[in-house]
Amino acid sequence: MQSNTEFSQLALNPSLLNTLAELGFTKMTPIQAQALPEVLAGKDLLAQAKTGSGKTAAFGLGILNQLDVKLFRVQSLVLCPTRELADQVASELRRFARGIHNIKILTLCGGVAIGPQIGSLEHGAHIIVGTPGRVLDHLNKGRLHLEYIQQFVLDEADRMLEMGFSEALETITGFMPAKCQRLLFSATFPESIAVIAKKQMVDPVSIKVEQSDDKANITQQFVAVTDTGNRQHATQRILLAKQPKSAVVFCNTKRETQEVADYLKHAGFDVKALHGDLDQRERDQALALFALKCVTVLVATDVAARGLDIDALDLVVNYQLPHDSDTYIHRIGRTGRAGEQGSAITLIGTNDDYGFALLQDKIGPQAVVEIAKGTGLGTHVVEAEMSCIRIDGGKKNKLRPGDILGALTADNELSGQHVGKIQIHDIWSYVAVKRSHIKLALAKLNRGKLKGKSFRARIMS
């Protein structure tokens, strides 16, 4: 989608404008039209935009426009969550920079030999594009210097934080001058993004492209049930009919939560329970498996689910009507985020008349429907996209996500596309891997070393 604003209206260097014209770029996308003027003005920026929105040009043209080619020092650093994205960003920057003579753009990513990177750093570069783990390695070894840096970009910041790079990012910023311009691009804005902005940015300009009313993206339905057995069966049929890749079933009691999880597990679902009767290790593991997309269904109480921060949640099922309307709003607000479509289905029993009437006072009149005969029957259970490996080492062993990603992708048998989110806990680490490659990943981790040490790895179920 294009805006009506043309690149020629911006104060860009003639060489950049000529290159854009040669490439056939005349009008900007919405994110470019909103972000580029702020970037060119030197302001810190918080920009919410999805992949494919043209965000690389939104920060890349600003970086190239302010670059001093005669100063052969690192002037801009762009961090990306994966090697594949870093290579893509670097390729785009080189394409835009083809009219600028003697510019050097270098990628520093894990999963590839470090020797050539060391040689390239010795020869110098203007722009570094890399992944947090490998960039931090070079900084700690004194091979990379950031004292001349003018712009620092976090691309797909939410994914970097999901992968557990928050500490690495904070350490990296300690190597650069305080007055460095900071540009953060993210598809979603979880609370962790706000923490970064508060710590590291100065009066950032916030931009949100294609905003939409989250509640408008949520389809709310109310389904009639009779007894406990009927509720369990109804939940199963709803999950089969909707085929969600991620769903949370909310229950009002700990006992009910475990019973529903056991019922769904017996029915073949990839499911975990989350409630207060589980010990901390079990709760952490359940949250990790769901966040890493290694289970598709989480059955939870409201209190236990407070630690849950999932943006792409397809379905919420209220197994019981919550005790108050605010809890209902909070529950269903976990789906339909960031412009995505979501669905919320609430089971209404014969004893729910009063509570349902109070809820309708809050959200307006709602119809209660019967589950259509045959709904969900004959369909297959959706399997989780990923499997999860737990590594018996974590923060106390100074493990970082980059160490794990590098170990998995070092010889190119696995790529970043096969590896999902990574979480580092105090004494354990979790990594999601595509089911088709889980055995290979397990073998690589058990054969290889992290930080020069061997750690036991196992597949979690």
Protein backbone atom coordinates (compact mmCIF):
# COMPACT_ATOMS: atom_id res chain seq x y z
CA MET A 1 0.00 0.00 0.00
CA GLN A 2 1.35 3.43 -0.96
CA SER A 3 0.76 6.90 0.46
CA ASN A 4 0.42 10.03 -1.65
CA THR A 5 3.75 11.37 -0.44
CA GLU A 6 6.67 11.16 -2.88
CA PHE A 7 10.30 10.57 -1.93
CA SER A 8 11.21 13.72 -3.88
CA GLN A 9 9.48 15.79 -1.17
CA LEU A 10 12.07 14.71 1.38
CA ALA A 11 15.48 16.31 1.93
CA LEU A 12 17.32 13.23 0.66
CA ASN A 13 20.73 13.32 -1.03
CA PRO A 14 20.50 13.49 -4.83
CA SER A 15 22.31 10.14 -5.16
CA LEU A 16 19.63 8.43 -3.07
CA LEU A 17 16.81 10.08 -4.99
CA ASN A 18 18.39 9.00 -8.28
CA THR A 19 18.73 5.42 -7.05
CA LEU A 20 15.12 5.34 -5.85
CA ALA A 21 13.97 6.60 -9.25
CA GLU A 22 16.06 3.93 -11.01
CA LEU A 23 14.50 1.27 -8.79
CA GLY A 24 11.02 2.56 -9.60
CA PHE A 25 10.28 3.92 -6.12
CA THR A 26 8.37 7.19 -6.32
CA LYS A 27 5.69 7.16 -3.62
CA MET A 28 6.29 6.10 -0.04
CA THR A 29 4.46 3.45 1.94
CA PRO A 30 2.60 4.71 5.05
CA ILE A 31 5.41 3.73 7.43
CA GLN A 32 7.97 5.48 5.22
CA ALA A 33 5.84 8.64 4.92
CA GLN A 34 5.43 8.85 8.69
CA ALA A 35 8.85 7.67 9.85
CA LEU A 36 11.35 9.12 7.38
CA PRO A 37 10.79 12.81 8.22
CA GLU A 38 11.33 12.01 11.92
CA VAL A 39 14.42 9.94 11.18
CA LEU A 40 15.89 12.68 9.00
CA ALA A 41 15.17 15.19 11.79
CA GLY A 42 17.34 13.10 14.12
CA LYS A 43 14.56 12.08 16.52
CA ASP A 44 14.31 8.82 18.43
CA LEU A 45 11.51 6.68 17.02
CA LEU A 46 9.11 3.94 18.13
CA ALA A 47 7.44 2.56 15.00
CA GLN A 48 4.89 -0.24 14.82
CA ALA A 49 4.88 -1.86 11.40
CA LYS A 50 4.73 -5.38 10.05
CA THR A 51 7.14 -7.20 7.74
CA GLY A 52 6.51 -6.13 4.16
CA SER A 53 5.50 -2.59 5.11
CA GLY A 54 8.66 -1.01 3.71
CA LYS A 55 10.24 -0.40 7.10
CA THR A 56 13.78 -1.19 5.91
CA ALA A 57 13.67 1.87 3.65
CA ALA A 58 12.06 3.85 6.48
CA PHE A 59 15.22 3.57 8.57
CA GLY A 60 17.72 2.63 5.85
CA LEU A 61 17.34 5.78 3.77
CA GLY A 62 17.72 7.88 6.91
CA ILE A 63 20.92 6.05 7.84
CA LEU A 64 22.40 6.40 4.35
CA ASN A 65 21.40 10.05 4.08
CA GLN A 66 23.32 11.01 7.22
CA LEU A 67 26.36 8.84 6.57
CA ASP A 68 29.82 10.44 6.23
CA VAL A 69 31.59 8.14 3.77
CA LYS A 70 34.93 9.87 4.36
CA LEU A 71 34.81 8.85 8.03
CA PHE A 72 35.74 5.17 7.82
CA ARG A 73 34.24 4.22 11.17
CA VAL A 74 31.09 2.36 12.20
CA GLN A 75 28.38 5.02 12.15
CA SER A 76 25.21 2.89 12.20
CA LEU A 77 24.29 -0.41 13.81
CA VAL A 78 21.19 -2.40 12.83
CA LEU A 79 20.25 -5.40 14.97
CA CYS A 80 17.91 -8.15 13.73
CA PRO A 81 16.63 -11.33 15.44
CA THR A 82 17.92 -13.79 12.80
CA ARG A 83 20.72 -14.15 10.30
CA GLU A 84 18.22 -14.41 7.45
CA LEU A 85 16.62 -11.06 8.30
CA ALA A 86 20.03 -9.42 8.80
CA ASP A 87 21.16 -10.63 5.36
CA GLN A 88 17.91 -9.32 3.85
CA VAL A 89 18.29 -5.91 5.50
CA ALA A 90 21.94 -5.63 4.46
CA SER A 91 21.01 -6.53 0.88
CA GLU A 92 18.33 -3.81 0.81
CA LEU A 93 20.73 -1.22 2.24
CA ARG A 94 23.34 -2.09 -0.40
CA ARG A 95 20.69 -1.73 -3.10
CA PHE A 96 19.73 1.74 -1.87
CA ALA A 97 23.41 2.69 -1.45
CA ARG A 98 24.61 1.68 -4.91
CA GLY A 99 24.98 5.34 -5.92
CA ILE A 100 27.22 6.08 -2.91
CA HIS A 101 30.89 5.34 -3.67
CA ASN A 102 33.22 3.50 -1.28
CA ILE A 103 30.51 2.60 1.25
CA LYS A 104 31.00 -0.59 3.22
CA ILE A 105 28.09 -2.48 4.84
CA LEU A 106 29.08 -5.51 6.91
CA THR A 107 26.94 -8.30 8.37
CA LEU A 108 27.90 -9.86 11.72
CA CYS A 109 25.74 -12.90 12.46
CA GLY A 110 26.04 -16.15 14.33
CA GLY A 111 25.90 -19.48 12.51
CA VAL A 112 28.77 -18.56 10.16
CA ALA A 113 32.56 -18.63 10.53
CA ILE A 114 33.87 -15.83 12.71
CA GLY A 115 37.30 -15.59 11.05
CA PRO A 116 36.20 -13.68 7.92
CA GLN A 117 34.19 -11.31 10.13
CA ILE A 118 37.30 -10.51 12.16
CA GLY A 119 39.21 -9.76 8.96
CA SER A 120 36.41 -7.52 7.67
CA LEU A 121 36.28 -5.60 10.95
CA GLU A 122 40.02 -4.99 10.77
CA HIS A 123 39.47 -3.33 7.39
CA GLY A 124 36.63 -1.19 8.77
CA ALA A 125 32.98 -0.58 7.88
CA HIS A 126 30.41 2.23 7.85
CA ILE A 127 27.28 0.22 8.70
CA ILE A 128 26.97 -3.00 10.69
CA VAL A 129 23.91 -5.24 10.34
CA GLY A 130 23.89 -8.21 12.69
CA THR A 131 22.34 -10.39 15.34
CA PRO A 132 22.73 -9.48 19.04
CA GLY A 133 24.78 -12.49 20.10
CA ARG A 134 27.51 -12.20 17.46
CA VAL A 135 27.69 -8.39 17.68
CA LEU A 136 28.12 -8.64 21.45
CA ASP A 137 30.89 -11.22 21.00
CA HIS A 138 32.85 -8.82 18.79
CA LEU A 139 32.27 -5.93 21.20
CA ASN A 140 33.45 -7.93 24.21
CA LYS A 141 36.59 -9.03 22.37
CA GLY A 142 37.38 -5.45 21.37
CA ARG A 143 37.07 -6.15 17.65
CA LEU A 144 34.09 -3.82 17.13
CA HIS A 145 34.00 -0.19 18.28
CA LEU A 146 30.92 2.01 18.47
CA GLU A 147 32.21 5.35 19.71
CA TYR A 148 31.41 7.04 16.36
CA ILE A 149 27.95 5.57 16.03
CA GLN A 150 25.16 7.96 15.05
CA GLN A 151 22.14 5.63 14.59
CA PHE A 152 21.14 2.44 16.40
CA VAL A 153 18.25 0.44 14.89
CA LEU A 154 16.32 -2.46 16.41
CA ASP A 155 14.43 -4.24 13.63
CA GLU A 156 11.66 -6.64 14.68
CA ALA A 157 12.39 -5.71 18.28
CA ASP A 158 9.48 -7.73 19.65
CA ARG A 159 10.88 -10.92 18.19
CA MET A 160 14.33 -10.21 19.61
CA LEU A 161 12.80 -9.79 23.06
CA GLU A 162 10.73 -12.97 22.62
CA MET A 163 13.96 -14.81 21.81
CA GLY A 164 15.47 -13.59 25.09
CA PHE A 165 17.91 -10.96 23.80
CA SER A 166 16.88 -8.18 26.24
CA GLU A 167 20.05 -8.41 28.36
CA ALA A 168 22.27 -8.56 25.29
CA LEU A 169 20.60 -5.46 23.86
CA GLU A 170 21.12 -3.55 27.09
CA THR A 171 24.78 -4.55 27.19
CA ILE A 172 25.31 -3.52 23.56
CA THR A 173 23.87 -0.05 24.19
CA GLY A 174 26.48 0.43 26.90
CA PHE A 175 29.17 0.47 24.22
CA MET A 176 27.69 3.42 22.32
CA PRO A 177 27.46 7.14 23.05
CA ALA A 178 24.40 8.43 24.87
CA LYS A 179 23.51 10.90 22.11
CA CYS A 180 23.14 8.17 19.50
CA GLN A 181 19.78 8.30 17.63
CA ARG A 182 17.70 5.19 18.44
CA LEU A 183 15.11 3.75 16.07
CA LEU A 184 12.93 0.84 17.13
CA PHE A 185 10.70 -1.03 14.69
CA SER A 186 8.31 -3.71 15.91
CA ALA A 187 5.21 -5.55 14.67
CA THR A 188 3.73 -5.46 18.19
CA PHE A 189 4.27 -3.32 21.27
CA PRO A 190 4.38 -5.57 24.35
CA GLU A 191 5.24 -4.05 27.73
CA SER A 192 8.91 -5.01 27.27
CA ILE A 193 9.14 -2.54 24.37
CA ALA A 194 7.95 0.27 26.63
CA VAL A 195 10.66 -0.66 29.15
CA ILE A 196 13.36 -0.34 26.48
CA ALA A 197 11.97 2.99 25.28
CA LYS A 198 11.93 4.43 28.80
CA LYS A 199 15.49 3.31 29.52
CA GLN A 200 17.20 4.09 26.26
CA MET A 201 15.26 6.72 24.29
CA VAL A 202 14.86 10.47 24.62
CA ASP A 203 11.35 11.77 23.90
CA PRO A 204 10.72 9.18 21.16
CA VAL A 205 8.16 9.86 18.45
CA SER A 206 5.59 7.04 18.33
CA ILE A 207 4.19 5.87 14.99
CA LYS A 208 1.58 3.19 14.51
CA VAL A 209 0.62 2.19 10.99
CA GLU A 210 -2.84 0.83 10.13
CA GLN A 211 -4.26 1.09 13.60
CA SER A 212 -7.47 -0.73 14.27
CA ASP A 213 -9.82 -1.24 17.17
CA ASP A 214 -8.69 -4.51 18.73
CA LYS A 215 -12.16 -5.32 20.06
CA ALA A 216 -13.54 -4.94 16.53
CA ASN A 217 -11.24 -7.80 15.51
CA ILE A 218 -12.72 -10.18 18.09
CA THR A 219 -15.71 -12.35 17.22
CA GLN A 220 -17.63 -13.00 20.47
CA GLN A 221 -19.94 -16.01 20.76
CA PHE A 222 -21.93 -17.51 23.63
CA VAL A 223 -22.71 -21.22 23.61
CA ALA A 224 -25.31 -23.03 25.75
CA VAL A 225 -24.18 -25.99 27.88
CA THR A 226 -25.81 -28.05 30.63
CA ASP A 227 -23.43 -29.92 32.94
CA THR A 228 -19.69 -30.53 33.46
CA GLY A 229 -19.46 -33.34 30.93
CA ASN A 230 -21.25 -31.20 28.39
CA ARG A 231 -18.80 -28.32 29.01
CA GLN A 232 -15.79 -30.55 28.43
CA HIS A 233 -17.25 -32.05 25.27
CA ALA A 234 -18.31 -28.60 24.03
CA THR A 235 -14.77 -27.28 24.57
CA GLN A 236 -13.34 -30.18 22.60
CA ARG A 237 -15.75 -29.63 19.71
CA ILE A 238 -15.06 -25.88 19.65
CA LEU A 239 -11.31 -26.51 19.44
CA LEU A 240 -11.81 -29.04 16.65
CA ALA A 241 -14.10 -26.70 14.73
CA LYS A 242 -11.96 -23.57 15.10
CA GLN A 243 -8.61 -25.31 14.55
CA PRO A 244 -6.60 -22.67 16.45
CA LYS A 245 -2.81 -22.73 16.41
CA SER A 246 -2.93 -21.15 19.87
CA ALA A 247 -5.85 -21.09 22.31
CA VAL A 248 -6.36 -20.36 25.99
CA VAL A 249 -9.19 -22.01 27.91
CA PHE A 250 -9.95 -19.99 31.04
CA CYS A 251 -11.36 -21.76 34.12
CA ASN A 252 -12.44 -20.33 37.47
CA THR A 253 -10.85 -22.95 39.76
CA LYS A 254 -7.57 -24.84 39.94
CA ARG A 255 -9.30 -28.21 40.10
CA GLU A 256 -11.43 -27.44 37.07
CA THR A 257 -8.33 -26.27 35.17
CA GLN A 258 -6.50 -29.56 35.71
CA GLU A 259 -9.58 -31.66 34.89
CA VAL A 260 -10.16 -29.85 31.59
CA ALA A 261 -6.49 -30.12 30.64
CA ASP A 262 -6.50 -33.86 31.38
CA TYR A 263 -9.68 -34.31 29.33
CA LEU A 264 -8.23 -32.48 26.32
CA LYS A 265 -4.91 -34.31 26.58
CA HIS A 266 -6.78 -37.62 26.52
CA ALA A 267 -8.60 -36.35 23.42
CA GLY A 268 -5.26 -35.87 21.66
CA PHE A 269 -4.56 -32.15 22.05
CA ASP A 270 -1.12 -30.63 22.70
CA VAL A 271 -2.19 -29.04 25.99
CA LYS A 272 -0.76 -27.77 29.27
CA ALA A 273 -2.46 -26.74 32.52
CA LEU A 274 -1.48 -23.55 34.35
CA HIS A 275 -2.71 -23.02 37.91
CA GLY A 276 -1.56 -22.33 41.44
CA ASP A 277 -1.28 -25.96 42.57
CA LEU A 278 1.64 -26.48 40.19
CA ASP A 279 5.13 -25.70 41.47
CA GLN A 280 7.09 -22.80 39.99
CA ARG A 281 9.11 -25.03 37.68
CA GLU A 282 5.94 -26.58 36.24
CA ARG A 283 4.32 -23.17 35.76
CA ASP A 284 7.41 -21.75 34.07
CA GLN A 285 7.59 -24.78 31.80
CA ALA A 286 3.91 -24.54 30.84
CA LEU A 287 4.26 -20.84 30.00
CA ALA A 288 7.44 -21.47 28.03
CA LEU A 289 5.95 -24.32 25.99
CA PHE A 290 2.91 -22.24 25.07
CA ALA A 291 4.87 -19.08 24.33
CA LEU A 292 7.27 -21.06 22.14
CA LYS A 293 4.27 -22.57 20.24
CA CYS A 294 5.16 -26.09 21.38
CA VAL A 295 1.64 -26.64 22.71
CA THR A 296 -1.51 -25.31 21.05
CA VAL A 297 -3.82 -25.14 24.07
CA LEU A 298 -3.25 -23.68 27.52
CA VAL A 299 -5.90 -24.28 30.18
CA ALA A 300 -5.44 -21.65 32.87
CA THR A 301 -6.85 -19.77 35.83
CA ASP A 302 -6.87 -15.99 35.63
CA VAL A 303 -4.24 -15.54 38.35
CA ALA A 304 -1.78 -18.05 36.84
CA ALA A 305 -2.18 -16.54 33.35
CA ARG A 306 -0.92 -13.12 34.48
CA GLY A 307 2.56 -14.07 33.32
CA LEU A 308 1.27 -14.82 29.83
CA ASP A 309 2.16 -12.32 27.09
CA ILE A 310 1.13 -13.80 23.73
CA ASP A 311 0.29 -11.48 20.85
CA ALA A 312 -0.83 -14.00 18.22
CA LEU A 313 -3.60 -15.78 20.13
CA ASP A 314 -6.29 -17.22 17.86
CA LEU A 315 -8.94 -18.23 20.37
CA VAL A 316 -10.07 -17.67 23.94
CA VAL A 317 -12.60 -20.07 25.48
CA ASN A 318 -14.31 -19.11 28.72
CA TYR A 319 -15.04 -22.55 30.17
CA GLN A 320 -16.99 -20.82 32.91
CA LEU A 321 -18.40 -17.31 32.86
CA PRO A 322 -15.91 -15.18 34.84
CA HIS A 323 -16.99 -13.65 38.14
CA ASP A 324 -17.04 -10.08 36.83
CA SER A 325 -17.27 -8.18 33.56
CA ASP A 326 -13.78 -6.67 33.81
CA THR A 327 -12.26 -10.14 33.95
CA TYR A 328 -14.22 -11.08 30.84
CA ILE A 329 -12.92 -8.02 28.98
CA HIS A 330 -9.37 -8.79 30.10
CA ARG A 331 -9.65 -12.44 29.03
CA ILE A 332 -10.95 -11.82 25.54
CA GLY A 333 -8.53 -8.91 25.07
CA ARG A 334 -5.74 -11.47 24.80
CA THR A 335 -6.94 -12.37 21.29
CA GLY A 336 -7.38 -10.16 18.22
CA ARG A 337 -4.28 -8.09 18.97
CA ALA A 338 -2.15 -6.07 16.54
CA GLY A 339 -4.86 -6.01 13.90
CA GLU A 340 -5.17 -9.81 13.77
CA GLN A 341 -8.54 -11.56 13.85
CA GLY A 342 -9.44 -13.29 17.10
CA SER A 343 -12.30 -15.31 18.50
CA ALA A 344 -13.75 -15.53 22.02
CA ILE A 345 -16.31 -18.21 22.91
CA THR A 346 -18.01 -18.36 26.31
CA LEU A 347 -19.90 -21.36 27.63
CA ILE A 348 -23.18 -20.38 29.33
CA GLY A 349 -24.83 -22.82 31.72
CA THR A 350 -28.27 -22.92 33.33
CA ASN A 351 -26.93 -21.24 36.50
CA ASP A 352 -25.31 -18.34 34.65
CA ASP A 353 -28.41 -16.20 34.10
CA TYR A 354 -27.55 -13.53 36.66
CA GLY A 355 -23.87 -13.24 35.72
CA PHE A 356 -24.71 -13.22 32.01
CA ALA A 357 -27.24 -10.43 32.57
CA LEU A 358 -24.58 -8.33 34.33
CA LEU A 359 -22.15 -8.96 31.50
CA GLN A 360 -24.70 -7.85 28.91
CA ASP A 361 -25.17 -4.62 30.86
CA LYS A 362 -21.48 -4.00 30.12
CA ILE A 363 -21.09 -5.23 26.53
CA GLY A 364 -24.66 -5.10 25.20
CA PRO A 365 -27.25 -7.79 24.36
CA GLN A 366 -25.84 -11.15 23.24
CA ALA A 367 -27.47 -14.27 21.81
CA VAL A 368 -26.81 -17.73 23.24
CA VAL A 369 -26.61 -20.47 20.63
CA GLU A 370 -26.52 -24.24 20.63
CA ILE A 371 -23.54 -26.03 19.14
CA ALA A 372 -24.66 -27.21 15.73
CA LYS A 373 -24.96 -30.97 15.35
CA GLY A 374 -21.72 -32.40 14.01
CA THR A 375 -19.63 -29.32 14.83
CA GLY A 376 -15.98 -30.30 15.02
CA LEU A 377 -16.68 -33.99 14.57
CA GLY A 378 -14.49 -35.82 12.09
CA THR A 379 -11.79 -33.13 12.04
CA HIS A 380 -8.21 -33.66 13.16
CA VAL A 381 -6.54 -32.11 16.17
CA VAL A 382 -4.14 -29.31 15.15
CA GLU A 383 -0.60 -30.24 16.12
CA ALA A 384 1.79 -27.67 17.49
CA GLU A 385 4.09 -26.17 14.85
CA MET A 386 7.15 -26.55 17.04
CA SER A 387 8.68 -28.98 19.49
CA CYS A 388 10.63 -27.76 22.50
CA ILE A 389 14.08 -28.67 23.74
CA ARG A 390 15.13 -27.90 27.29
CA ILE A 391 18.81 -27.32 27.92
CA ASP A 392 20.14 -27.85 31.46
CA GLY A 393 21.90 -24.50 31.52
CA GLY A 394 20.77 -20.90 31.69
CA LYS A 395 21.61 -17.43 32.95
CA LYS A 396 23.76 -18.81 35.76
CA ASN A 397 25.91 -20.46 33.08
CA LYS A 398 25.98 -17.15 31.16
CA LEU A 399 24.17 -18.72 28.21
CA ARG A 400 22.63 -16.33 25.69
CA PRO A 401 20.11 -16.97 22.90
CA GLY A 402 22.86 -16.29 20.38
CA ASP A 403 24.92 -19.16 21.79
CA ILE A 404 22.06 -21.61 21.24
CA LEU A 405 21.09 -20.25 17.83
CA GLY A 406 24.72 -20.33 16.73
CA ALA A 407 25.18 -23.92 17.89
CA LEU A 408 22.09 -25.04 15.99
CA THR A 409 22.86 -23.24 12.72
CA ALA A 410 26.67 -23.46 12.68
CA ASP A 411 27.06 -26.01 9.86
CA ASN A 412 23.98 -24.97 7.85
CA GLU A 413 22.14 -28.26 8.48
CA LEU A 414 19.62 -26.08 10.27
CA SER A 415 18.78 -22.47 9.41
CA GLY A 416 17.17 -19.71 11.43
CA GLN A 417 13.88 -20.62 9.75
CA HIS A 418 13.90 -23.97 11.55
CA VAL A 419 14.46 -22.36 14.95
CA GLY A 420 11.72 -20.51 16.79
CA LYS A 421 11.76 -18.56 20.01
CA ILE A 422 14.43 -19.03 22.67
CA GLN A 423 13.97 -18.41 26.38
CA ILE A 424 16.81 -18.29 28.89
CA HIS A 425 15.86 -18.94 32.53
CA ASP A 426 18.15 -19.11 35.55
CA ILE A 427 19.15 -22.77 35.28
CA TRP A 428 17.31 -23.90 32.14
CA SER A 429 16.91 -22.70 28.60
CA TYR A 430 14.15 -23.51 26.14
CA VAL A 431 14.38 -23.46 22.36
CA ALA A 432 11.58 -24.14 19.88
CA VAL A 433 12.45 -26.10 16.75
CA LYS A 434 10.30 -27.18 13.81
CA ARG A 435 8.94 -30.66 14.51
CA SER A 436 10.51 -32.01 11.32
CA HIS A 437 13.99 -31.04 12.55
CA ILE A 438 13.71 -31.66 16.31
CA LYS A 439 15.80 -34.85 16.42
CA LEU A 440 18.60 -33.23 14.42
CA ALA A 441 18.54 -30.20 16.71
CA LEU A 442 18.64 -32.40 19.82
CA ALA A 443 21.59 -34.36 18.47
CA LYS A 444 23.51 -31.17 17.62
CA LEU A 445 22.99 -29.75 21.12
CA ASN A 446 23.96 -32.98 22.88
CA ARG A 447 27.00 -33.50 20.63
CA GLY A 448 28.20 -29.93 20.64
CA LYS A 449 29.16 -27.36 23.24
CA LEU A 450 27.84 -24.02 24.44
CA LYS A 451 30.35 -21.57 25.89
CA GLY A 452 32.92 -24.37 25.58
CA LYS A 453 30.90 -26.67 27.85
CA SER A 454 28.61 -29.63 27.29
CA PHE A 455 25.01 -29.30 28.47
CA ARG A 456 22.34 -31.97 28.54
CA ALA A 457 19.40 -31.32 26.24
CA ARG A 458 16.08 -33.13 26.09
CA ILE A 459 12.80 -32.86 24.21
CA MET A 460 9.96 -31.59 26.39
CA SER A 461 6.46 -33.03 26.13
